Amino acid sequence: MARIAYILLCHKDPEGVIAQARRLTSAGDYVSIHFDARAPRAAHDRIREALSDDASVTFAKRRVKCGWGEWSLVAATLEAVRAALSAFPRATHLYMLSGDCMPIKPAEHVHHWLDRDDADHIESFDFFRSDWIRTGIKEERLIYRHFTNERARPDLFYAILGLQKRLGLRRAIPADLRIQIGSQWWCLRRRTVEAVLAFCGRRPDVVRFFRTTWIPDETFFQTLVRHLVPETEIRCRTLTFLMFTDYGMPVTFYNDHYDLLLGQDYLFARKISPEATELKERLGRLYLEQGLRLTASNEGRRLHAFLTGRGRVGRRFAPRFWETESSLGRERVLMMVTCKKWHVAKRLVDRVQAVTGMPGVHYLFDEAGTPLPDLGGIQKTLAKRTRHRRALLRMLFDTWQSDRLVICIDPASLDLMQDLDADRCDTRLLEIECDFSDDYLTGHARRIGLAGEATSAEVIGRLLPTIRHDIRFESDRIRDTGFRRMYRIRERAGAAENTRPLAEFLGIPEAQAEEIATTDYLFVD
């Protein structure tokens, strides 16, 4: 009978990881866990402690700091794969899962499926001939070297790419490989995985090549399996059911999707919402059932295509069945920084990123030029960002694989702040109180079109009190609104006084908050 070593890549929710590992091993299988090195060590230690008495669970010997689209995801997979092969000599298959996956068939069904078909299940389509890549760069993923993360530093990513193009630094693809592309969620036979590792040992040039490609988790295993395994032993499909929205992000499943998921001709599904506790409990019980006869209707993708093709006046698409949950998620923390001096808020967010590693973004609802990752088009205009603000923010949380996000919002956008504060996530607001000199307000009046270079000093003199009053009015409105968790730092207060509210707002130690608060250029005009 098939014995599976599940390769579990995860970065959050230690209790969920523990429950998932126990569920999978209870059916006689194994689990090899890689927990992202960017996640808190305490969370990793909690998982190891809870599962220390389970001989069917092992851990990657080295934790890798993972970033979406980077080689680090492949490196993390290889670490977990090597640990599984070493710890579980009886494992016949290795199955890639994430912390957001759940079984949608009983374990008995999963084992019978793998027993009756001696093959590898992995999507592997021709990279250049298929239409698997719908948006963004394509051949540039391979023929140029990528050293930075496009989603974290899009400006630097495309600057380096453009420089390579101008200098003619195009590189050759290894001549004996036909590059393939497909989902990273595969199920491979043990001998296939061992062949891949042996090939990597023989061909360090191939590993070096993939190290600097973009999104290699969609090409590395896909290419090598097709290179090493006869075509008759490859099933070009994934056994994990997943769908994508129109903007290229994974669909999330909730409590009311149980029957839909059971009807799919797959073994697992992702992504399951962290809040879908009832769905997880039902699928957990299902996994241990025996003698259950299931019929696959497999209508999920057809229903997806039907619903995304419907629209109504004023909206591009009708509401999708997977978007009925509009919350950002109870487990997430959205931190809003509001300040009329935009450069001050931007500097603060940049320092937060540098000191804590939290993802942050500048005035995404106010400045069209704010750098954002490619989210399939939803990020292209201010109107789209504002209209689909929750979807946009959910995508940013997912893209940066973080449950914490810092954003800048103009004080005039009170309705937007109130709307986000009403979300079920942990929403926090930090107001930065600044001093406004006459020179600064004069420049502000010119930037927003209230005055020009030729406007007389007399006219500007009459205008400044009105602008100053308007700024105070916006601040008073924010304070009178009664936000659930509001904090304030002041230019005049100094670093010592500003440290505690910064620490509470960001949920970080005061030592880190002090490092941010003592930034000497923070309030410089």
Protein backbone atom coordinates (compact mmCIF):
# COMPACT_ATOMS: atom_id res chain seq x y z
CA MET A 1 0.00 0.00 0.00
CA ALA A 2 1.12 3.56 -0.70
CA ARG A 3 2.74 5.35 2.24
CA ILE A 4 2.95 9.08 1.77
CA ALA A 5 5.48 11.54 3.15
CA TYR A 6 3.70 14.87 3.05
CA ILE A 7 6.05 17.82 2.44
CA LEU A 8 4.44 20.58 4.46
CA LEU A 9 5.60 24.15 3.72
CA CYS A 10 4.16 26.65 6.19
CA HIS A 11 4.86 30.05 7.70
CA LYS A 12 2.10 30.76 10.23
CA ASP A 13 -0.62 29.32 12.46
CA PRO A 14 1.40 26.83 14.55
CA GLU A 15 -1.74 25.30 16.09
CA GLY A 16 -3.13 24.67 12.61
CA VAL A 17 0.16 23.06 11.52
CA ILE A 18 0.13 20.79 14.59
CA ALA A 19 -3.46 19.74 13.90
CA GLN A 20 -2.71 19.09 10.23
CA ALA A 21 0.37 16.97 11.01
CA ARG A 22 -1.56 14.86 13.54
CA ARG A 23 -4.41 14.41 11.10
CA LEU A 24 -2.13 13.20 8.29
CA THR A 25 -0.07 10.83 10.44
CA SER A 26 -3.16 9.32 12.07
CA ALA A 27 -3.82 7.50 8.80
CA GLY A 28 -0.38 5.87 8.82
CA ASP A 29 1.47 8.41 6.70
CA TYR A 30 4.37 10.75 7.42
CA VAL A 31 4.97 14.52 7.52
CA SER A 32 8.12 16.53 6.89
CA ILE A 33 7.75 20.17 7.96
CA HIS A 34 9.56 23.27 6.80
CA PHE A 35 8.53 26.33 8.83
CA ASP A 36 9.61 29.60 7.21
CA ALA A 37 12.64 31.14 8.91
CA ARG A 38 10.96 34.56 8.60
CA ALA A 39 8.32 33.38 11.06
CA PRO A 40 8.94 33.76 14.82
CA ARG A 41 11.22 31.11 16.29
CA ALA A 42 8.76 30.69 19.17
CA ALA A 43 6.12 29.47 16.72
CA HIS A 44 8.55 26.92 15.26
CA ASP A 45 9.54 25.77 18.73
CA ARG A 46 5.88 25.34 19.66
CA ILE A 47 5.35 23.01 16.68
CA ARG A 48 8.46 20.96 17.42
CA GLU A 49 7.54 20.60 21.08
CA ALA A 50 3.96 19.53 20.36
CA LEU A 51 5.03 16.91 17.78
CA SER A 52 8.23 15.73 19.47
CA ASP A 53 6.67 12.40 20.50
CA ASP A 54 5.43 11.55 16.98
CA ALA A 55 7.96 9.39 15.11
CA SER A 56 6.02 9.99 11.89
CA VAL A 57 6.92 13.69 11.88
CA THR A 58 10.30 15.16 10.98
CA PHE A 59 11.59 18.66 10.33
CA ALA A 60 13.84 20.25 7.74
CA LYS A 61 17.35 20.47 9.17
CA ARG A 62 17.71 24.05 7.93
CA ARG A 63 15.01 26.71 7.96
CA VAL A 64 15.05 28.95 4.90
CA LYS A 65 13.78 32.54 4.74
CA CYS A 66 11.18 32.22 2.01
CA GLY A 67 9.99 34.86 -0.44
CA TRP A 68 7.28 34.50 -3.06
CA GLY A 69 8.76 33.92 -6.51
CA GLU A 70 12.27 33.25 -5.17
CA TRP A 71 14.55 30.22 -5.27
CA SER A 72 14.12 30.12 -1.50
CA LEU A 73 10.80 28.27 -1.94
CA VAL A 74 12.56 25.54 -3.93
CA ALA A 75 15.39 25.46 -1.38
CA ALA A 76 12.88 25.03 1.45
CA THR A 77 11.16 22.22 -0.46
CA LEU A 78 14.47 20.44 -1.04
CA GLU A 79 15.32 20.71 2.67
CA ALA A 80 11.99 19.11 3.64
CA VAL A 81 12.33 16.46 0.89
CA ARG A 82 15.80 15.40 2.06
CA ALA A 83 14.56 15.18 5.65
CA ALA A 84 11.62 13.01 4.55
CA LEU A 85 13.74 10.61 2.50
CA SER A 86 16.17 10.20 5.39
CA ALA A 87 13.58 9.77 8.14
CA PHE A 88 10.97 7.65 6.33
CA PRO A 89 12.52 4.81 4.28
CA ARG A 90 9.08 3.19 3.86
CA ALA A 91 7.52 6.23 2.19
CA THR A 92 6.54 5.42 -1.40
CA HIS A 93 5.34 8.91 -2.43
CA LEU A 94 6.07 12.52 -1.52
CA TYR A 95 3.15 14.95 -1.67
CA MET A 96 3.61 18.75 -1.53
CA LEU A 97 1.18 20.64 0.72
CA SER A 98 0.94 24.09 2.29
CA GLY A 99 -0.47 25.04 5.66
CA ASP A 100 -3.65 26.16 3.86
CA CYS A 101 -4.38 22.71 2.36
CA MET A 102 -6.94 20.20 3.59
CA PRO A 103 -7.87 16.68 2.40
CA ILE A 104 -11.15 16.45 0.50
CA LYS A 105 -11.15 12.65 0.27
CA PRO A 106 -10.68 9.96 2.95
CA ALA A 107 -7.15 8.66 3.48
CA GLU A 108 -8.33 5.25 2.28
CA HIS A 109 -9.35 6.85 -1.05
CA VAL A 110 -6.00 8.69 -1.31
CA HIS A 111 -4.02 5.47 -0.84
CA HIS A 112 -6.14 3.52 -3.34
CA TRP A 113 -5.71 6.30 -5.91
CA LEU A 114 -1.91 6.14 -5.69
CA ASP A 115 -1.84 2.33 -5.59
CA ARG A 116 -3.80 1.91 -8.80
CA ASP A 117 -1.67 4.28 -10.90
CA ASP A 118 2.11 3.95 -10.78
CA ALA A 119 2.86 7.47 -11.99
CA ASP A 120 3.98 10.95 -10.98
CA HIS A 121 1.32 13.65 -10.72
CA ILE A 122 2.73 17.05 -11.61
CA GLU A 123 1.67 19.81 -13.98
CA SER A 124 4.40 20.23 -16.62
CA PHE A 125 3.47 22.24 -19.71
CA ASP A 126 5.89 23.54 -22.31
CA PHE A 127 7.08 26.90 -20.96
CA PHE A 128 7.19 28.68 -24.32
CA ARG A 129 4.27 27.07 -26.17
CA SER A 130 1.64 26.92 -23.43
CA ASP A 131 -0.50 29.81 -22.21
CA TRP A 132 0.08 28.92 -18.54
CA ILE A 133 1.49 32.41 -17.86
CA ARG A 134 -1.33 34.90 -18.38
CA THR A 135 0.22 38.18 -17.14
CA GLY A 136 3.64 39.65 -16.47
CA ILE A 137 7.03 38.72 -17.87
CA LYS A 138 7.50 35.34 -19.54
CA GLU A 139 10.79 34.40 -21.19
CA GLU A 140 12.49 37.09 -19.11
CA ARG A 141 11.92 34.79 -16.12
CA LEU A 142 14.58 32.50 -17.57
CA ILE A 143 16.96 34.33 -19.88
CA TYR A 144 17.89 37.07 -17.40
CA ARG A 145 19.17 36.76 -13.85
CA HIS A 146 16.95 37.85 -10.97
CA PHE A 147 18.54 38.84 -7.68
CA THR A 148 15.70 40.77 -6.00
CA ASN A 149 12.04 40.13 -5.29
CA GLU A 150 9.65 41.71 -7.79
CA ARG A 151 6.87 42.03 -5.25
CA ALA A 152 9.01 43.43 -2.45
CA ARG A 153 11.17 45.76 -4.57
CA PRO A 154 9.53 46.20 -7.99
CA ASP A 155 11.56 49.31 -8.77
CA LEU A 156 14.90 47.55 -8.23
CA PHE A 157 13.69 44.32 -9.86
CA TYR A 158 12.76 46.02 -13.13
CA ALA A 159 15.78 48.35 -13.02
CA ILE A 160 18.12 45.33 -12.91
CA LEU A 161 16.10 43.59 -15.62
CA GLY A 162 16.22 46.69 -17.84
CA LEU A 163 19.96 47.08 -17.33
CA GLN A 164 20.57 43.47 -18.40
CA LYS A 165 18.50 44.04 -21.54
CA ARG A 166 20.41 47.21 -22.44
CA LEU A 167 23.78 45.51 -21.88
CA GLY A 168 22.76 42.41 -23.85
CA LEU A 169 23.25 40.07 -20.89
CA ARG A 170 20.78 37.48 -22.13
CA ARG A 171 21.85 33.98 -21.07
CA ALA A 172 21.35 30.55 -22.58
CA ILE A 173 19.06 27.93 -21.12
CA PRO A 174 20.81 24.59 -20.45
CA ALA A 175 20.81 22.97 -23.89
CA ASP A 176 19.56 19.54 -22.85
CA LEU A 177 16.52 20.84 -20.94
CA ARG A 178 13.05 21.65 -22.23
CA ILE A 179 11.70 24.07 -19.64
CA GLN A 180 8.30 23.11 -18.27
CA ILE A 181 5.89 25.07 -16.11
CA GLY A 182 3.04 24.19 -13.79
CA SER A 183 1.68 24.21 -10.25
CA GLN A 184 4.10 23.61 -7.38
CA TRP A 185 1.62 21.24 -5.70
CA TRP A 186 2.82 17.87 -6.92
CA CYS A 187 2.78 14.23 -5.80
CA LEU A 188 5.86 12.28 -6.89
CA ARG A 189 7.00 8.71 -6.42
CA ARG A 190 9.98 8.19 -4.14
CA ARG A 191 12.24 6.98 -6.95
CA THR A 192 11.45 10.09 -8.97
CA VAL A 193 12.39 12.41 -6.11
CA GLU A 194 15.60 10.45 -5.55
CA ALA A 195 16.39 10.78 -9.27
CA VAL A 196 15.84 14.55 -9.09
CA LEU A 197 18.24 14.88 -6.12
CA ALA A 198 20.84 12.71 -7.85
CA PHE A 199 20.56 14.86 -10.98
CA CYS A 200 21.09 18.01 -8.89
CA GLY A 201 24.28 16.45 -7.54
CA ARG A 202 25.54 15.68 -11.05
CA ARG A 203 24.48 18.96 -12.61
CA PRO A 204 25.30 21.95 -10.38
CA ASP A 205 25.09 24.12 -13.53
CA VAL A 206 21.36 23.41 -13.74
CA VAL A 207 20.86 24.30 -10.07
CA ARG A 208 22.82 27.54 -10.58
CA PHE A 209 20.63 28.38 -13.56
CA PHE A 210 17.36 27.93 -11.67
CA ARG A 211 18.67 29.82 -8.61
CA THR A 212 18.43 33.11 -10.52
CA THR A 213 15.23 32.46 -12.47
CA TRP A 214 11.99 34.13 -11.40
CA ILE A 215 9.33 31.91 -9.76
CA PRO A 216 11.38 28.68 -10.04
CA ASP A 217 8.90 26.74 -7.89
CA GLU A 218 6.74 26.66 -11.04
CA THR A 219 9.56 25.37 -13.29
CA PHE A 220 12.27 23.49 -11.35
CA PHE A 221 10.60 20.19 -10.42
CA GLN A 222 8.33 20.42 -13.45
CA THR A 223 11.31 20.56 -15.82
CA LEU A 224 13.46 17.94 -14.10
CA VAL A 225 10.66 15.39 -13.72
CA ARG A 226 9.84 15.67 -17.42
CA HIS A 227 13.58 15.35 -18.20
CA LEU A 228 14.10 12.25 -16.07
CA VAL A 229 10.83 10.29 -16.22
CA PRO A 230 9.23 8.64 -19.27
CA GLU A 231 6.19 10.54 -20.50
CA THR A 232 3.98 7.48 -20.02
CA GLU A 233 4.66 7.66 -16.27
CA ILE A 234 3.68 11.32 -15.87
CA ARG A 235 0.15 12.53 -15.25
CA CYS A 236 0.18 16.19 -16.22
CA ARG A 237 -2.10 17.36 -13.44
CA THR A 238 -2.05 18.24 -9.78
CA LEU A 239 -3.98 16.22 -7.21
CA THR A 240 -4.69 19.40 -5.22
CA PHE A 241 -7.78 21.35 -6.20
CA LEU A 242 -7.20 25.09 -6.47
CA MET A 243 -8.72 27.92 -8.47
CA PHE A 244 -7.64 31.47 -9.19
CA THR A 245 -9.54 34.75 -9.28
CA ASP A 246 -9.52 37.07 -12.28
CA TYR A 247 -6.56 38.84 -10.70
CA GLY A 248 -4.42 35.70 -10.50
CA MET A 249 -4.79 35.10 -6.75
CA PRO A 250 -5.83 31.76 -5.23
CA VAL A 251 -9.51 31.37 -4.42
CA THR A 252 -10.20 30.92 -0.68
CA PHE A 253 -12.76 28.34 0.50
CA TYR A 254 -15.08 28.79 3.47
CA ASN A 255 -17.50 26.77 5.61
CA ASP A 256 -20.23 26.62 2.98
CA HIS A 257 -17.96 25.00 0.36
CA TYR A 258 -17.86 21.51 1.89
CA ASP A 259 -20.14 19.85 -0.71
CA LEU A 260 -18.45 21.68 -3.56
CA LEU A 261 -15.01 20.43 -2.50
CA LEU A 262 -16.13 16.83 -1.98
CA GLY A 263 -17.45 16.79 -5.54
CA GLN A 264 -14.06 17.53 -7.11
CA ASP A 265 -11.87 14.82 -8.64
CA TYR A 266 -8.92 15.72 -6.42
CA LEU A 267 -7.42 14.54 -3.14
CA PHE A 268 -6.68 17.86 -1.40
CA ALA A 269 -7.76 21.49 -1.78
CA ARG A 270 -6.23 24.91 -1.10
CA LYS A 271 -6.63 27.59 0.12
CA ILE A 272 -8.86 26.94 3.11
CA SER A 273 -9.66 30.08 5.09
CA PRO A 274 -8.10 30.16 8.59
CA GLU A 275 -11.56 31.16 9.83
CA ALA A 276 -13.31 28.16 8.25
CA THR A 277 -13.13 26.09 11.44
CA GLU A 278 -16.32 24.15 10.70
CA LEU A 279 -15.04 23.21 7.22
CA LYS A 280 -11.73 22.05 8.66
CA GLU A 281 -13.45 19.94 11.31
CA ARG A 282 -15.72 18.27 8.76
CA LEU A 283 -12.86 17.57 6.34
CA GLY A 284 -10.75 16.25 9.21
CA ARG A 285 -13.45 13.74 10.14
CA LEU A 286 -13.90 12.82 6.48
CA TYR A 287 -10.20 11.98 6.13
CA LEU A 288 -10.45 9.19 8.70
CA GLU A 289 -13.66 7.60 7.39
CA GLN A 290 -13.55 4.14 5.80
CA GLY A 291 -15.73 2.41 3.24
CA LEU A 292 -17.17 5.71 1.98
CA ARG A 293 -18.26 5.81 -1.67
CA LEU A 294 -17.83 9.23 -3.30
CA THR A 295 -18.95 10.48 -6.69
CA ALA A 296 -17.06 13.30 -8.37
CA SER A 297 -19.25 15.87 -10.16
CA ASN A 298 -16.17 18.04 -10.83
CA GLU A 299 -18.20 21.19 -11.51
CA GLY A 300 -15.90 23.55 -9.61
CA ARG A 301 -14.01 24.97 -12.58
CA ARG A 302 -17.11 25.19 -14.79
CA LEU A 303 -18.91 27.09 -12.03
CA HIS A 304 -15.87 29.35 -11.72
CA ALA A 305 -15.90 30.09 -15.46
CA PHE A 306 -19.66 30.72 -15.43
CA LEU A 307 -19.59 33.17 -12.54
CA THR A 308 -16.56 35.14 -13.73
CA GLY A 309 -18.24 35.62 -17.08
CA ARG A 310 -21.27 37.39 -15.58
CA GLY A 311 -21.39 41.09 -14.79
CA ARG A 312 -23.75 43.97 -14.22
CA VAL A 313 -23.79 47.71 -14.86
CA GLY A 314 -21.26 49.59 -12.77
CA ARG A 315 -19.16 46.52 -11.93
CA ARG A 316 -16.86 44.43 -14.04
CA PHE A 317 -17.99 41.16 -12.50
CA ALA A 318 -20.89 39.85 -10.51
CA PRO A 319 -20.08 38.78 -6.94
CA ARG A 320 -18.17 35.49 -6.98
CA PHE A 321 -19.26 32.68 -4.71
CA TRP A 322 -15.77 32.51 -3.20
CA GLU A 323 -15.79 36.24 -2.37
CA THR A 324 -18.83 36.21 -0.11
CA GLU A 325 -16.41 36.63 2.80
CA SER A 326 -15.38 40.30 2.62
CA SER A 327 -13.27 40.51 5.77
CA LEU A 328 -9.50 40.80 5.64
CA GLY A 329 -9.43 38.05 8.26
CA ARG A 330 -9.51 38.05 12.05
CA GLU A 331 -5.94 36.78 12.25
CA ARG A 332 -4.54 39.76 10.33
CA VAL A 333 -3.31 43.13 11.57
CA LEU A 334 -3.78 46.20 9.37
CA MET A 335 -1.84 49.23 10.60
CA MET A 336 -2.84 52.59 9.08
CA VAL A 337 -0.47 55.55 9.32
CA THR A 338 -2.08 58.93 8.64
CA CYS A 339 -0.18 62.20 8.26
CA LYS A 340 -0.67 65.31 6.14
CA LYS A 341 3.07 65.42 5.55
CA TRP A 342 3.24 62.45 3.24
CA HIS A 343 7.03 62.29 3.25
CA VAL A 344 7.02 61.83 7.04
CA ALA A 345 4.60 58.89 6.91
CA LYS A 346 6.58 57.32 4.07
CA ARG A 347 9.82 57.61 6.01
CA LEU A 348 8.20 56.04 9.05
CA VAL A 349 6.86 53.09 7.04
CA ASP A 350 10.25 52.61 5.38
CA ARG A 351 11.93 52.54 8.81
CA VAL A 352 9.34 50.07 10.11
CA GLN A 353 10.15 47.78 7.18
CA ALA A 354 13.90 48.13 7.72
CA VAL A 355 13.79 47.52 11.48
CA THR A 356 11.03 44.89 11.77
CA GLY A 357 10.76 43.32 8.32
CA MET A 358 7.00 44.02 8.22
CA PRO A 359 5.68 44.71 4.72
CA GLY A 360 4.55 48.27 4.17
CA VAL A 361 3.21 50.39 1.35
CA HIS A 362 2.92 54.15 0.90
CA TYR A 363 -0.22 56.10 -0.04
CA LEU A 364 -1.73 53.38 -2.23
CA PHE A 365 -5.22 54.95 -2.18
CA ASP A 366 -3.96 58.48 -2.78
CA GLU A 367 -0.96 58.24 -5.14
CA ALA A 368 -1.34 56.43 -8.48
CA GLY A 369 2.44 56.00 -8.68
CA THR A 370 2.75 54.08 -5.41
CA PRO A 371 4.90 50.98 -6.17
CA LEU A 372 2.76 47.84 -5.93
CA PRO A 373 3.29 44.25 -7.09
CA ASP A 374 1.48 43.03 -10.18
CA LEU A 375 -1.89 41.86 -8.86
CA GLY A 376 -3.46 41.15 -12.22
CA GLY A 377 -4.77 44.68 -12.89
CA ILE A 378 -6.65 45.53 -9.71
CA GLN A 379 -3.74 47.80 -8.68
CA LYS A 380 -3.56 49.83 -11.90
CA THR A 381 -5.81 52.80 -11.03
CA LEU A 382 -6.78 54.63 -7.85
CA ALA A 383 -10.44 54.02 -8.68
CA LYS A 384 -9.92 50.24 -8.85
CA ARG A 385 -7.83 50.21 -5.67
CA THR A 386 -10.47 52.11 -3.72
CA ARG A 387 -13.46 50.25 -5.13
CA HIS A 388 -11.87 46.84 -4.45
CA ARG A 389 -9.94 47.91 -1.36
CA ARG A 390 -10.54 44.77 0.67
CA ALA A 391 -9.66 42.49 -2.24
CA LEU A 392 -6.54 44.59 -2.87
CA LEU A 393 -5.42 44.42 0.75
CA ARG A 394 -6.13 40.67 0.95
CA MET A 395 -3.94 40.20 -2.12
CA LEU A 396 -1.13 42.20 -0.53
CA PHE A 397 -1.34 40.10 2.65
CA ASP A 398 -1.23 36.93 0.52
CA THR A 399 1.47 38.18 -1.85
CA TRP A 400 3.83 39.14 0.95
CA GLN A 401 2.84 36.04 2.98
CA SER A 402 2.33 38.13 6.09
CA ASP A 403 -0.45 38.63 8.60
CA ARG A 404 0.76 42.19 9.29
CA LEU A 405 0.68 45.13 6.89
CA VAL A 406 1.43 48.86 7.32
CA ILE A 407 -0.16 51.36 4.92
CA CYS A 408 -0.31 55.16 4.60
CA ILE A 409 -3.64 57.00 4.30
CA ASP A 410 -4.26 60.73 3.88
CA PRO A 411 -6.12 62.33 6.83
CA ALA A 412 -8.83 63.53 4.44
CA SER A 413 -9.80 59.89 3.70
CA LEU A 414 -11.83 59.50 6.88
CA ASP A 415 -14.52 57.35 5.23
CA LEU A 416 -11.87 54.90 4.04
CA MET A 417 -10.30 54.70 7.50
CA GLN A 418 -13.72 54.13 9.12
CA ASP A 419 -14.57 51.40 6.63
CA LEU A 420 -11.32 49.53 7.27
CA ASP A 421 -11.65 50.05 11.03
CA ALA A 422 -15.03 48.27 10.87
CA ASP A 423 -13.38 45.15 9.42
CA ARG A 424 -13.05 42.04 11.56
CA CYS A 425 -9.27 42.17 11.33
CA ASP A 426 -7.17 43.89 14.00
CA THR A 427 -7.15 47.43 12.60
CA ARG A 428 -4.96 50.08 14.17
CA LEU A 429 -4.50 53.77 13.38
CA LEU A 430 -1.45 55.93 14.05
CA GLU A 431 -1.76 59.69 13.61
CA ILE A 432 1.50 61.61 13.15
CA GLU A 433 1.07 65.16 14.45
CA CYS A 434 3.46 67.53 12.68
CA ASP A 435 4.33 71.21 12.83
CA PHE A 436 3.50 73.22 9.70
CA SER A 437 5.62 76.24 8.92
CA ASP A 438 4.37 78.96 6.59
CA ASP A 439 6.95 77.91 4.01
CA TYR A 440 5.72 74.30 4.11
CA LEU A 441 2.06 75.34 3.80
CA THR A 442 2.93 77.64 0.90
CA GLY A 443 4.58 74.75 -0.91
CA HIS A 444 1.60 72.54 -0.05
CA ALA A 445 -0.78 75.11 -1.56
CA ARG A 446 1.23 75.11 -4.77
CA ARG A 447 1.43 71.29 -4.92
CA ILE A 448 -2.34 70.89 -4.70
CA GLY A 449 -3.09 73.74 -7.09
CA LEU A 450 -4.40 76.36 -4.65
CA ALA A 451 -1.56 78.71 -5.58
CA GLY A 452 0.95 79.09 -8.38
CA GLU A 453 4.45 80.43 -8.70
CA ALA A 454 3.07 83.85 -9.62
CA THR A 455 0.57 84.03 -6.73
CA SER A 456 1.25 87.15 -4.70
CA ALA A 457 2.46 87.03 -1.10
CA GLU A 458 -0.67 88.89 -0.03
CA VAL A 459 -2.99 86.24 -1.48
CA ILE A 460 -0.93 83.43 0.04
CA GLY A 461 -0.96 85.24 3.39
CA ARG A 462 -4.78 85.18 3.36
CA LEU A 463 -4.80 81.54 2.22
CA LEU A 464 -2.48 80.07 4.88
CA PRO A 465 -4.86 80.38 7.89
CA THR A 466 -7.55 78.55 5.91
CA ILE A 467 -5.19 75.70 5.02
CA ARG A 468 -3.94 75.48 8.60
CA HIS A 469 -7.53 75.35 9.87
CA ASP A 470 -8.39 72.65 7.33
CA ILE A 471 -5.51 70.46 8.56
CA ARG A 472 -6.62 70.90 12.19
CA PHE A 473 -10.21 70.13 11.19
CA GLU A 474 -9.15 66.82 9.57
CA SER A 475 -7.21 65.88 12.71
CA ASP A 476 -10.16 66.74 14.99
CA ARG A 477 -12.52 64.65 12.85
CA ILE A 478 -10.20 61.65 13.16
CA ARG A 479 -9.96 62.01 16.94
CA ASP A 480 -13.72 62.44 17.34
CA THR A 481 -14.53 59.32 15.30
CA GLY A 482 -13.63 56.88 18.08
CA PHE A 483 -11.38 54.41 16.33
CA ARG A 484 -10.98 51.14 18.20
CA ARG A 485 -7.20 51.30 18.51
CA MET A 486 -5.78 54.75 17.84
CA TYR A 487 -2.29 55.97 18.67
CA ARG A 488 -0.49 59.25 18.20
CA ILE A 489 3.10 60.41 17.92
CA ARG A 490 4.09 64.07 17.75
CA GLU A 491 6.96 65.91 16.12
CA ARG A 492 7.39 68.04 19.24
CA ALA A 493 7.30 65.10 21.66
CA GLY A 494 10.72 63.67 20.97
CA ALA A 495 11.81 60.04 20.59
CA ALA A 496 11.37 59.04 24.25
CA GLU A 497 7.69 60.00 24.35
CA ASN A 498 6.96 58.54 20.91
CA THR A 499 8.53 55.13 21.61
CA ARG A 500 5.66 53.60 23.63
CA PRO A 501 2.79 54.48 21.23
CA LEU A 502 4.93 53.20 18.34
CA ALA A 503 5.58 49.93 20.19
CA GLU A 504 1.88 49.44 20.97
CA PHE A 505 0.76 50.41 17.46
CA LEU A 506 3.20 48.02 15.77
CA GLY A 507 3.10 45.32 18.45
CA ILE A 508 6.90 45.26 18.73
CA PRO A 509 9.40 45.47 21.62
CA GLU A 510 10.15 48.98 22.84
CA ALA A 511 13.80 48.59 21.83
CA GLN A 512 12.76 48.27 18.19
CA ALA A 513 10.25 51.10 18.54
CA GLU A 514 12.96 53.31 20.00
CA GLU A 515 15.21 52.54 17.04
CA ILE A 516 12.45 53.77 14.74
CA ALA A 517 11.55 56.80 16.88
CA THR A 518 15.17 58.02 17.00
CA THR A 519 15.42 58.26 13.21
CA ASP A 520 17.02 61.68 12.92
CA TYR A 521 15.57 62.59 9.52
CA LEU A 522 11.99 61.46 10.22
CA PHE A 523 10.42 64.92 10.56
CA VAL A 524 12.79 66.90 8.32
CA ASP A 525 10.92 68.87 5.63
